[in-house]
Amino acid sequence: MDRVLLATRAARDLRRLGPGPELDRIEAALRRLGDDEAKLDIKPLTGSAPWLRLRVGDWRIVFRPAEEALLVARIIHRSELQQAVRTLE
């Protein structure tokens, strides 16, 4: 089981969602992300290795493997994915 670490921007993205069903679904997906057995919709970001994206409804969780953890960089709406990818380190 990998740990899931939120970058500062991802934590801010999560706070901006506010309470509601989207927040609940995203938090559940983040808990399952560290589970090796989880069957999630994860795909690599084309042209942006080693970044991956997890689809949760209309939301995308952008992350990459880090030392013994998964680093979540952004939690964004699907319409903002391409713009967010350009800002990844």
N, C-alpha and C. Protein backbone atom coordinates (compact mmCIF):
# COMPACT_ATOMS: atom_id res chain seq x y z
N MET A 1 0.84 -1.18 0.00
CA MET A 1 0.00 0.00 0.00
C MET A 1 0.88 1.24 0.00
N ASP A 2 0.68 2.11 -0.98
CA ASP A 2 1.45 3.35 -1.08
C ASP A 2 0.75 4.45 -0.29
N ARG A 3 1.56 5.36 0.22
CA ARG A 3 0.98 6.55 0.85
C ARG A 3 0.61 7.53 -0.25
N VAL A 4 -0.39 8.33 0.01
CA VAL A 4 -0.82 9.35 -0.93
C VAL A 4 -0.54 10.70 -0.29
N LEU A 5 0.32 11.50 -0.93
CA LEU A 5 0.67 12.81 -0.43
C LEU A 5 0.07 13.88 -1.33
N LEU A 6 -0.53 14.89 -0.73
CA LEU A 6 -1.11 15.99 -1.49
C LEU A 6 -0.13 17.15 -1.56
N ALA A 7 0.15 17.61 -2.75
CA ALA A 7 0.94 18.83 -2.91
C ALA A 7 0.09 20.02 -2.44
N THR A 8 0.73 21.14 -2.22
CA THR A 8 0.02 22.33 -1.74
C THR A 8 -1.12 22.71 -2.68
N ARG A 9 -0.88 22.68 -3.97
CA ARG A 9 -1.93 23.04 -4.93
C ARG A 9 -3.08 22.04 -4.90
N ALA A 10 -2.77 20.76 -4.73
CA ALA A 10 -3.83 19.74 -4.66
C ALA A 10 -4.68 19.93 -3.41
N ALA A 11 -4.05 20.26 -2.29
CA ALA A 11 -4.81 20.51 -1.06
C ALA A 11 -5.71 21.73 -1.24
N ARG A 12 -5.21 22.75 -1.92
CA ARG A 12 -6.01 23.94 -2.19
C ARG A 12 -7.18 23.60 -3.13
N ASP A 13 -6.91 22.78 -4.15
CA ASP A 13 -7.97 22.35 -5.06
C ASP A 13 -9.06 21.60 -4.30
N LEU A 14 -8.66 20.77 -3.38
CA LEU A 14 -9.61 19.98 -2.59
C LEU A 14 -10.47 20.89 -1.70
N ARG A 15 -9.85 21.88 -1.08
CA ARG A 15 -10.60 22.82 -0.24
C ARG A 15 -11.60 23.63 -1.05
N ARG A 16 -11.25 23.98 -2.27
CA ARG A 16 -12.12 24.79 -3.13
C ARG A 16 -13.40 24.05 -3.54
N LEU A 17 -13.37 22.73 -3.52
CA LEU A 17 -14.55 21.97 -3.89
C LEU A 17 -15.70 22.21 -2.91
N GLY A 18 -15.39 22.35 -1.65
CA GLY A 18 -16.44 22.53 -0.65
C GLY A 18 -17.18 21.23 -0.43
N PRO A 19 -18.06 21.22 0.56
CA PRO A 19 -18.78 19.98 0.87
C PRO A 19 -19.75 19.61 -0.25
N GLY A 20 -19.94 18.32 -0.42
CA GLY A 20 -20.87 17.85 -1.44
C GLY A 20 -20.49 16.48 -1.94
N PRO A 21 -21.27 15.95 -2.87
CA PRO A 21 -21.01 14.59 -3.37
C PRO A 21 -19.70 14.47 -4.14
N GLU A 22 -19.28 15.53 -4.85
CA GLU A 22 -18.01 15.45 -5.59
C GLU A 22 -16.84 15.29 -4.62
N LEU A 23 -16.87 16.05 -3.55
CA LEU A 23 -15.80 15.96 -2.55
C LEU A 23 -15.76 14.56 -1.95
N ASP A 24 -16.91 13.99 -1.65
CA ASP A 24 -16.96 12.64 -1.08
C ASP A 24 -16.38 11.62 -2.05
N ARG A 25 -16.72 11.73 -3.33
CA ARG A 25 -16.22 10.78 -4.32
C ARG A 25 -14.71 10.92 -4.51
N ILE A 26 -14.22 12.15 -4.50
CA ILE A 26 -12.78 12.37 -4.68
C ILE A 26 -12.01 11.88 -3.48
N GLU A 27 -12.51 12.13 -2.27
CA GLU A 27 -11.84 11.63 -1.06
C GLU A 27 -11.80 10.11 -1.05
N ALA A 28 -12.89 9.47 -1.47
CA ALA A 28 -12.92 8.01 -1.54
C ALA A 28 -11.90 7.50 -2.56
N ALA A 29 -11.80 8.18 -3.70
CA ALA A 29 -10.83 7.78 -4.73
C ALA A 29 -9.40 7.95 -4.23
N LEU A 30 -9.13 9.01 -3.47
CA LEU A 30 -7.79 9.22 -2.92
C LEU A 30 -7.44 8.11 -1.92
N ARG A 31 -8.42 7.68 -1.13
CA ARG A 31 -8.17 6.57 -0.20
C ARG A 31 -7.87 5.29 -0.96
N ARG A 32 -8.60 5.05 -2.05
CA ARG A 32 -8.40 3.83 -2.84
C ARG A 32 -7.14 3.89 -3.69
N LEU A 33 -6.64 5.08 -3.97
CA LEU A 33 -5.47 5.23 -4.83
C LEU A 33 -4.25 4.53 -4.24
N GLY A 34 -4.09 4.57 -2.94
CA GLY A 34 -2.95 3.93 -2.31
C GLY A 34 -3.09 2.43 -2.18
N ASP A 35 -4.25 1.89 -2.49
CA ASP A 35 -4.51 0.46 -2.38
C ASP A 35 -4.10 -0.23 -3.67
N ASP A 36 -3.21 -1.20 -3.57
CA ASP A 36 -2.73 -1.92 -4.75
C ASP A 36 -3.83 -2.70 -5.45
N GLU A 37 -4.87 -3.07 -4.72
CA GLU A 37 -5.94 -3.88 -5.28
C GLU A 37 -7.01 -3.05 -5.98
N ALA A 38 -6.98 -1.76 -5.83
CA ALA A 38 -8.04 -0.90 -6.36
C ALA A 38 -8.10 -0.96 -7.88
N LYS A 39 -9.32 -0.99 -8.39
CA LYS A 39 -9.53 -0.94 -9.85
C LYS A 39 -10.04 0.45 -10.16
N LEU A 40 -9.13 1.30 -10.57
CA LEU A 40 -9.47 2.70 -10.83
C LEU A 40 -9.17 3.03 -12.29
N ASP A 41 -9.77 4.09 -12.78
CA ASP A 41 -9.56 4.54 -14.16
C ASP A 41 -8.31 5.43 -14.20
N ILE A 42 -7.15 4.78 -14.27
CA ILE A 42 -5.86 5.49 -14.27
C ILE A 42 -5.22 5.32 -15.65
N LYS A 43 -4.77 6.45 -16.21
CA LYS A 43 -4.07 6.43 -17.49
C LYS A 43 -2.91 7.41 -17.44
N PRO A 44 -1.85 7.13 -18.20
CA PRO A 44 -0.75 8.09 -18.27
C PRO A 44 -1.16 9.33 -19.05
N LEU A 45 -0.61 10.47 -18.67
CA LEU A 45 -0.85 11.71 -19.42
C LEU A 45 0.06 11.70 -20.63
N THR A 46 -0.51 11.76 -21.79
CA THR A 46 0.24 11.70 -23.04
C THR A 46 1.26 12.83 -23.12
N GLY A 47 2.52 12.47 -23.33
CA GLY A 47 3.58 13.46 -23.46
C GLY A 47 4.01 14.10 -22.16
N SER A 48 3.54 13.58 -21.04
CA SER A 48 3.88 14.18 -19.74
C SER A 48 4.31 13.12 -18.75
N ALA A 49 5.14 12.19 -19.18
CA ALA A 49 5.64 11.15 -18.27
C ALA A 49 6.43 11.82 -17.15
N PRO A 50 6.37 11.37 -15.95
CA PRO A 50 5.73 10.19 -15.37
C PRO A 50 4.34 10.47 -14.81
N TRP A 51 3.69 11.52 -15.23
CA TRP A 51 2.40 11.91 -14.66
C TRP A 51 1.29 10.99 -15.12
N LEU A 52 0.38 10.70 -14.20
CA LEU A 52 -0.78 9.86 -14.44
C LEU A 52 -2.02 10.66 -14.07
N ARG A 53 -3.19 10.22 -14.58
CA ARG A 53 -4.42 10.86 -14.18
C ARG A 53 -5.42 9.80 -13.76
N LEU A 54 -6.16 10.14 -12.73
CA LEU A 54 -7.24 9.30 -12.24
C LEU A 54 -8.54 10.03 -12.51
N ARG A 55 -9.47 9.38 -13.20
CA ARG A 55 -10.75 10.00 -13.53
C ARG A 55 -11.76 9.67 -12.45
N VAL A 56 -12.41 10.72 -11.91
CA VAL A 56 -13.47 10.57 -10.92
C VAL A 56 -14.63 11.45 -11.41
N GLY A 57 -15.51 10.88 -12.20
CA GLY A 57 -16.60 11.67 -12.79
C GLY A 57 -16.04 12.72 -13.71
N ASP A 58 -16.39 13.98 -13.48
CA ASP A 58 -15.88 15.09 -14.29
C ASP A 58 -14.57 15.65 -13.74
N TRP A 59 -14.04 15.05 -12.70
CA TRP A 59 -12.83 15.55 -12.06
C TRP A 59 -11.64 14.65 -12.38
N ARG A 60 -10.45 15.24 -12.38
CA ARG A 60 -9.22 14.50 -12.65
C ARG A 60 -8.25 14.72 -11.51
N ILE A 61 -7.64 13.64 -11.06
CA ILE A 61 -6.59 13.70 -10.05
C ILE A 61 -5.29 13.42 -10.78
N VAL A 62 -4.40 14.39 -10.81
CA VAL A 62 -3.12 14.27 -11.52
C VAL A 62 -2.05 13.94 -10.48
N PHE A 63 -1.35 12.81 -10.70
CA PHE A 63 -0.37 12.36 -9.71
C PHE A 63 0.79 11.65 -10.39
N ARG A 64 1.82 11.37 -9.60
CA ARG A 64 2.96 10.60 -10.10
C ARG A 64 3.54 9.80 -8.95
N PRO A 65 4.22 8.71 -9.26
CA PRO A 65 4.91 7.96 -8.21
C PRO A 65 6.09 8.78 -7.70
N ALA A 66 6.28 8.75 -6.40
CA ALA A 66 7.44 9.38 -5.76
C ALA A 66 8.05 8.33 -4.83
N GLU A 67 9.06 8.70 -4.11
CA GLU A 67 9.74 7.76 -3.23
C GLU A 67 8.77 7.19 -2.20
N GLU A 68 8.39 5.91 -2.38
CA GLU A 68 7.50 5.19 -1.47
C GLU A 68 6.17 5.88 -1.24
N ALA A 69 5.72 6.67 -2.19
CA ALA A 69 4.44 7.38 -2.06
C ALA A 69 3.94 7.76 -3.45
N LEU A 70 2.72 8.24 -3.48
CA LEU A 70 2.15 8.81 -4.69
C LEU A 70 1.91 10.29 -4.41
N LEU A 71 2.46 11.15 -5.24
CA LEU A 71 2.34 12.58 -5.06
C LEU A 71 1.21 13.11 -5.95
N VAL A 72 0.16 13.63 -5.32
CA VAL A 72 -0.97 14.21 -6.05
C VAL A 72 -0.66 15.69 -6.26
N ALA A 73 -0.56 16.10 -7.52
CA ALA A 73 -0.20 17.48 -7.84
C ALA A 73 -1.43 18.37 -7.96
N ARG A 74 -2.50 17.88 -8.59
CA ARG A 74 -3.69 18.70 -8.83
C ARG A 74 -4.94 17.84 -8.76
N ILE A 75 -6.04 18.47 -8.38
CA ILE A 75 -7.38 17.90 -8.44
C ILE A 75 -8.23 18.93 -9.16
N ILE A 76 -8.54 18.65 -10.42
CA ILE A 76 -9.13 19.67 -11.28
C ILE A 76 -10.30 19.13 -12.08
N HIS A 77 -11.11 20.05 -12.59
CA HIS A 77 -12.21 19.69 -13.47
C HIS A 77 -11.61 19.29 -14.82
N ARG A 78 -12.28 18.40 -15.51
CA ARG A 78 -11.74 17.89 -16.78
C ARG A 78 -11.50 18.99 -17.80
N SER A 79 -12.27 20.06 -17.76
CA SER A 79 -12.09 21.14 -18.73
C SER A 79 -10.79 21.90 -18.52
N GLU A 80 -10.17 21.78 -17.35
CA GLU A 80 -8.94 22.48 -17.03
C GLU A 80 -7.70 21.60 -17.11
N LEU A 81 -7.87 20.36 -17.55
CA LEU A 81 -6.75 19.39 -17.53
C LEU A 81 -5.57 19.85 -18.37
N GLN A 82 -5.79 20.24 -19.60
CA GLN A 82 -4.66 20.61 -20.47
C GLN A 82 -3.89 21.80 -19.94
N GLN A 83 -4.59 22.77 -19.41
CA GLN A 83 -3.92 23.94 -18.82
C GLN A 83 -3.10 23.53 -17.61
N ALA A 84 -3.64 22.66 -16.77
CA ALA A 84 -2.91 22.22 -15.58
C ALA A 84 -1.69 21.39 -15.92
N VAL A 85 -1.78 20.58 -16.97
CA VAL A 85 -0.65 19.74 -17.39
C VAL A 85 0.54 20.62 -17.77
N ARG A 86 0.27 21.76 -18.39
CA ARG A 86 1.37 22.65 -18.80
C ARG A 86 2.12 23.22 -17.60
N THR A 87 1.48 23.25 -16.42
CA THR A 87 2.13 23.84 -15.25
C THR A 87 2.83 22.82 -14.37
N LEU A 88 2.78 21.54 -14.74
CA LEU A 88 3.41 20.50 -13.92
C LEU A 88 4.93 20.59 -14.02
N GLU A 89 5.56 20.23 -12.94
CA GLU A 89 7.03 20.25 -12.90
C GLU A 89 7.59 18.96 -13.42
